[in-house]
C-alpha cells in the first residue's frame, strides 16, 4: 500500500464522468483547496522543454513517495489530504535567487540533462509561502524540441498531439500521469521505478498513434492489457473540461 492508493480507487470513475462534471467543485470549501506547487527553473538561457517536463514529472511522484510522506512522516498529513481530494498542481517559473529560495521549502528537486524542476509538498492555496506566491505562473512556455530516442525501461508520457499546452500546463499534466502510474503499478515494478529515480520520457505521438493508444471506454482493459492509462483534465485552464491530455504507458507496455 502507498499514499497514492486513493487515486487507483477512483481512476476509472473519473474517466467515466461527463465532461462538464470534471469542473464541478460544489463539494469543496474554497478555503480548503489544496495544490502542489511545481517550480520550473527557467533561466534567461532556458532549458529544453522535454527534459524540463521529465524533471517535473519525476519530482511530483517523488514527493508523494518520499519517506517523509509515509505514515508518521512530517509530510504525510499534507500529502494524504491532497491526494484524497483533487490533485491540483500549479506550475510557476523561477530563476536566480528565486530558484535558490524555493530550495529551502519542503520538496524534491529533479535534474534531467541540466533541466531542473522542484515539486513542493502540497498545501492550502490560501497559505502558499511568499517565496512561491511571488513567482510568475504565466510565461512558462518553451518551444517544442526534438528529443532523442526513449531510454529503455522507462515509462513514456504521451502528450495529446491535438491539444497545445504551455510548458507550465504540461508540467502539471505529466505530474498527474506519474502519480497515477505509481498508484496502479505492482509493488515490484514500482520499486524498480523508484530505484531509477522515477525516470520517464515525455514525447508527442502522431495522431494515429494517439488514437491507437487511447483507452476509450475501457480504461481497465487498457491498463491490464497494454499498460496504458489516461490523464483527464478538469479544464480549469488552457484546455476544455474532460480533455485527455496525457496517455501514460508503463515500461514494457
Protein backbone atom coordinates (compact mmCIF):
# COMPACT_ATOMS: atom_id res chain seq x y z
CA UNK A 1 0.00 0.00 0.00
CA UNK A 2 1.11 3.59 -0.70
CA UNK A 3 -0.24 7.03 -0.01
CA UNK A 4 -1.42 7.07 -3.65
CA UNK A 5 -3.96 4.25 -3.22
CA UNK A 6 -6.95 6.67 -3.30
CA UNK A 7 -6.00 7.58 -6.87
CA UNK A 8 -6.15 3.98 -8.01
CA UNK A 9 -9.57 3.58 -6.39
CA UNK A 10 -11.14 6.45 -8.34
CA UNK A 11 -9.19 6.34 -11.62
CA UNK A 12 -11.83 4.61 -13.79
CA UNK A 13 -14.75 6.55 -12.30
CA UNK A 14 -13.04 9.86 -13.09
CA UNK A 15 -12.62 8.87 -16.73
CA UNK A 16 -16.30 7.99 -16.88
CA UNK A 17 -17.59 11.37 -15.70
CA UNK A 18 -19.41 13.62 -18.17
CA UNK A 19 -17.00 16.33 -19.32
CA UNK A 20 -18.93 19.09 -17.57
CA UNK A 21 -18.79 17.20 -14.26
CA UNK A 22 -14.99 17.32 -14.19
CA UNK A 23 -15.26 21.03 -13.29
CA UNK A 24 -17.82 20.55 -10.53
CA UNK A 25 -16.31 21.83 -7.28
CA UNK A 26 -19.55 22.06 -5.32
CA UNK A 27 -18.19 19.67 -2.71
CA UNK A 28 -15.17 21.90 -1.97
CA UNK A 29 -14.72 24.64 0.60
CA UNK A 30 -12.74 27.37 -1.23
CA UNK A 31 -10.69 28.00 1.92
CA UNK A 32 -9.54 24.38 1.96
CA UNK A 33 -8.48 23.97 -1.68
CA UNK A 34 -5.05 22.32 -1.86
CA UNK A 35 -2.44 22.22 -4.60
CA UNK A 36 1.12 21.10 -5.22
CA UNK A 37 3.42 23.90 -6.41
CA UNK A 38 5.71 22.74 -9.21
CA UNK A 39 8.59 25.15 -9.71
CA UNK A 40 10.28 25.13 -13.11
CA UNK A 41 13.77 26.57 -13.34
CA UNK A 42 13.69 28.78 -16.41
CA UNK A 43 16.76 30.99 -16.52
CA UNK A 44 17.41 33.50 -19.31
CA UNK A 45 19.28 30.68 -21.01
CA UNK A 46 16.19 28.48 -20.91
CA UNK A 47 16.30 24.67 -20.77
CA UNK A 48 14.85 22.45 -23.45
CA UNK A 49 11.16 21.71 -22.99
CA UNK A 50 11.28 17.91 -22.91
CA UNK A 51 13.86 17.36 -20.15
CA UNK A 52 12.16 20.06 -18.05
CA UNK A 53 8.84 18.21 -18.33
CA UNK A 54 10.55 14.92 -17.50
CA UNK A 55 12.08 16.52 -14.41
CA UNK A 56 8.69 17.89 -13.31
CA UNK A 57 7.02 14.51 -13.83
CA UNK A 58 9.61 12.72 -11.71
CA UNK A 59 9.60 15.38 -8.99
CA UNK A 60 5.83 15.23 -8.47
CA UNK A 61 5.73 11.50 -7.79
CA UNK A 62 8.97 11.63 -5.82
CA UNK A 63 7.36 13.96 -3.27
CA UNK A 64 4.43 11.58 -2.84
CA UNK A 65 6.61 8.50 -2.33
CA UNK A 66 9.36 10.16 -0.33
CA UNK A 67 9.92 8.51 3.08
CA UNK A 68 8.88 11.81 4.65
CA UNK A 69 5.40 11.35 3.15
CA UNK A 70 5.00 7.88 4.66
CA UNK A 71 2.90 7.20 7.73
CA UNK A 72 4.22 9.22 10.69
CA UNK A 73 6.50 11.22 8.39
CA UNK A 74 6.46 15.04 8.55
CA UNK A 75 4.89 15.37 5.10
CA UNK A 76 2.26 12.65 5.47
CA UNK A 77 -0.77 14.63 6.55
CA UNK A 78 -0.35 17.30 3.87
CA UNK A 79 0.23 14.81 1.05
CA UNK A 80 -2.55 12.49 2.22
CA UNK A 81 -5.15 15.26 2.48
CA UNK A 82 -4.25 16.46 -1.01
CA UNK A 83 -4.31 13.02 -2.65
CA UNK A 84 -7.76 12.33 -1.21
CA UNK A 85 -9.09 15.41 -2.98
CA UNK A 86 -8.30 16.83 -6.39
CA UNK A 87 -4.61 16.56 -7.20
CA UNK A 88 -4.26 20.13 -8.41
CA UNK A 89 -0.81 21.34 -9.39
CA UNK A 90 0.23 24.93 -10.06
CA UNK A 91 3.37 25.39 -12.12
CA UNK A 92 5.47 28.52 -11.63
CA UNK A 93 8.76 29.65 -13.08
CA UNK A 94 11.82 30.74 -11.15
CA UNK A 95 15.33 31.89 -11.89
CA UNK A 96 18.40 33.02 -10.00
CA UNK A 97 17.76 33.90 -6.36
CA UNK A 98 14.11 32.89 -6.74
CA UNK A 99 15.17 29.36 -7.57
CA UNK A 100 17.64 29.33 -4.69
CA UNK A 101 14.92 30.49 -2.27
CA UNK A 102 12.49 27.67 -3.04
CA UNK A 103 15.16 25.05 -2.33
CA UNK A 104 14.63 25.77 1.36
CA UNK A 105 10.95 24.77 1.17
CA UNK A 106 9.92 21.12 1.69
CA UNK A 107 10.02 19.26 -1.58
CA UNK A 108 12.12 17.37 -4.11
CA UNK A 109 14.26 18.75 -6.95
CA UNK A 110 14.95 16.62 -10.01
CA UNK A 111 17.56 17.33 -12.67
CA UNK A 112 17.24 15.80 -16.14
CA UNK A 113 20.05 16.64 -18.52
CA UNK A 114 20.56 20.01 -16.84
CA UNK A 115 16.86 20.93 -16.72
CA UNK A 116 15.55 21.28 -13.17
CA UNK A 117 12.13 21.23 -11.54
CA UNK A 118 11.19 21.20 -7.87
CA UNK A 119 7.84 19.82 -6.65
CA UNK A 120 6.88 21.11 -3.22
CA UNK A 121 4.81 19.45 -0.54
CA UNK A 122 1.18 20.32 -1.35
CA UNK A 123 -0.72 22.65 0.92
CA UNK A 124 -3.61 25.08 1.12
CA UNK A 125 -3.70 27.51 -1.79
CA UNK A 126 -4.61 30.26 0.66
CA UNK A 127 -1.37 29.64 2.56
CA UNK A 128 1.18 29.43 -0.25
CA UNK A 129 4.59 30.58 1.04
CA UNK A 130 5.66 34.03 -0.09
CA UNK A 131 8.70 32.57 -1.87
CA UNK A 132 6.20 30.75 -4.11
CA UNK A 133 3.32 33.22 -4.38
CA UNK A 134 5.54 35.89 -5.90
CA UNK A 135 6.67 33.59 -8.72
CA UNK A 136 5.04 34.01 -12.10
CA UNK A 137 2.58 31.42 -13.40
CA UNK A 138 2.44 32.93 -16.88
CA UNK A 139 5.40 32.97 -19.22
CA UNK A 140 6.33 29.36 -18.60
CA UNK A 141 6.15 28.34 -22.23
CA UNK A 142 9.08 26.87 -24.10
CA UNK A 143 9.39 25.95 -27.78
CA UNK A 144 8.83 22.39 -28.86
CA UNK A 145 12.04 20.44 -29.18
CA UNK A 146 13.10 17.19 -30.80
CA UNK A 147 14.14 14.73 -28.10
CA UNK A 148 16.14 11.66 -28.93
CA UNK A 149 15.15 8.00 -28.60
CA UNK A 150 13.32 6.88 -25.48
CA UNK A 151 15.60 5.38 -22.86
CA UNK A 152 14.99 1.67 -22.45
CA UNK A 153 12.96 0.55 -19.45
CA UNK A 154 11.24 3.85 -18.61
CA UNK A 155 7.55 4.75 -18.86
CA UNK A 156 6.51 7.08 -21.65
CA UNK A 157 4.15 10.00 -21.13
CA UNK A 158 2.49 10.78 -24.46
CA UNK A 159 1.18 14.33 -24.87
CA UNK A 160 -2.05 14.82 -26.80
CA UNK A 161 -0.92 15.90 -30.30
CA UNK A 162 -4.19 17.78 -30.87
CA UNK A 163 -4.10 19.85 -27.67
CA UNK A 164 -1.41 22.58 -27.46
CA UNK A 165 -0.25 23.22 -23.88
CA UNK A 166 2.25 25.62 -22.40
CA UNK A 167 5.20 24.02 -20.65
CA UNK A 168 3.64 25.01 -17.33
CA UNK A 169 0.35 23.28 -18.10
CA UNK A 170 2.12 20.22 -19.50
CA UNK A 171 4.31 20.02 -16.38
CA UNK A 172 1.21 19.68 -14.21
CA UNK A 173 -0.29 17.05 -16.52
CA UNK A 174 2.79 14.83 -16.65
CA UNK A 175 2.94 15.09 -12.85
CA UNK A 176 -0.61 13.74 -12.70
CA UNK A 177 0.47 10.93 -15.02
CA UNK A 178 3.40 9.73 -12.93
CA UNK A 179 1.25 9.75 -9.80
CA UNK A 180 -1.40 7.61 -11.48
CA UNK A 181 1.26 5.25 -12.79
CA UNK A 182 2.70 4.83 -9.30
CA UNK A 183 -0.78 4.20 -7.91
CA UNK A 184 -1.51 1.43 -10.42
CA UNK A 185 1.84 -0.34 -10.73
CA UNK A 186 2.53 -3.60 -8.97
CA UNK A 187 4.84 -3.21 -5.94
CA UNK A 188 7.84 -4.83 -7.62
CA UNK A 189 7.54 -2.61 -10.69
CA UNK A 190 7.12 0.46 -8.50
CA UNK A 191 10.22 -0.45 -6.51
CA UNK A 192 12.23 -0.73 -9.70
CA UNK A 193 10.98 2.61 -10.96
CA UNK A 194 11.76 4.24 -7.63
CA UNK A 195 15.30 2.84 -7.77
CA UNK A 196 15.69 4.53 -11.16
CA UNK A 197 14.71 7.92 -9.73
CA UNK A 198 11.26 7.80 -11.38
CA UNK A 199 12.86 8.45 -14.76
CA UNK A 200 10.37 8.79 -17.58
CA UNK A 201 10.17 10.01 -21.15
CA UNK A 202 7.83 12.72 -22.44
CA UNK A 203 7.00 12.52 -26.12
CA UNK A 204 4.29 13.64 -28.58
CA UNK A 205 2.95 10.85 -30.81
CA UNK A 206 1.30 11.12 -34.19
CA UNK A 207 -2.46 11.49 -34.10
CA UNK A 208 -2.82 7.94 -35.40
CA UNK A 209 -0.57 6.55 -32.65
CA UNK A 210 -2.52 8.54 -30.05
CA UNK A 211 -5.82 7.08 -31.22
CA UNK A 212 -4.37 3.57 -31.18
CA UNK A 213 -3.15 4.01 -27.58
CA UNK A 214 -6.26 5.73 -26.23
CA UNK A 215 -8.17 3.62 -23.66
CA UNK A 216 -11.54 4.80 -24.96
CA UNK A 217 -14.37 3.32 -22.91
CA UNK A 218 -12.23 0.51 -21.48
CA UNK A 219 -9.71 2.04 -19.07
CA UNK A 220 -9.38 -1.14 -17.03
CA UNK A 221 -8.61 -3.27 -20.09
CA UNK A 222 -6.20 -0.68 -21.48
CA UNK A 223 -4.23 -0.80 -18.25
CA UNK A 224 -4.31 -4.57 -17.74
CA UNK A 225 -3.69 -5.49 -21.37
CA UNK A 226 -1.43 -2.67 -22.61
CA UNK A 227 -0.16 -0.82 -19.55
CA UNK A 228 -1.78 2.43 -20.73
CA UNK A 229 -3.64 4.96 -18.60
CA UNK A 230 -5.17 8.34 -19.36
CA UNK A 231 -4.93 11.70 -17.61
CA UNK A 232 -8.20 13.59 -17.91
CA UNK A 233 -8.13 17.28 -17.04
CA UNK A 234 -10.83 19.18 -15.20
CA UNK A 235 -10.47 22.03 -17.66
CA UNK A 236 -9.86 24.99 -15.34
CA UNK A 237 -7.03 26.34 -17.53
CA UNK A 238 -5.97 26.13 -21.19
CA UNK A 239 -7.95 23.00 -22.20
CA UNK A 240 -11.63 22.11 -22.41
CA UNK A 241 -13.22 20.23 -19.48
CA UNK A 242 -12.75 16.48 -19.72
CA UNK A 243 -9.82 16.65 -22.16
CA UNK A 244 -7.44 13.70 -22.09
CA UNK A 245 -4.08 15.45 -22.01
CA UNK A 246 -1.62 12.60 -21.43
CA UNK A 247 -1.53 8.89 -22.13
CA UNK A 248 0.98 7.18 -19.86
CA UNK A 249 2.46 3.86 -20.96
CA UNK A 250 4.38 1.84 -18.40
CA UNK A 251 7.77 0.44 -19.29
CA UNK A 252 7.31 -2.62 -21.44
CA UNK A 253 3.68 -1.74 -22.15
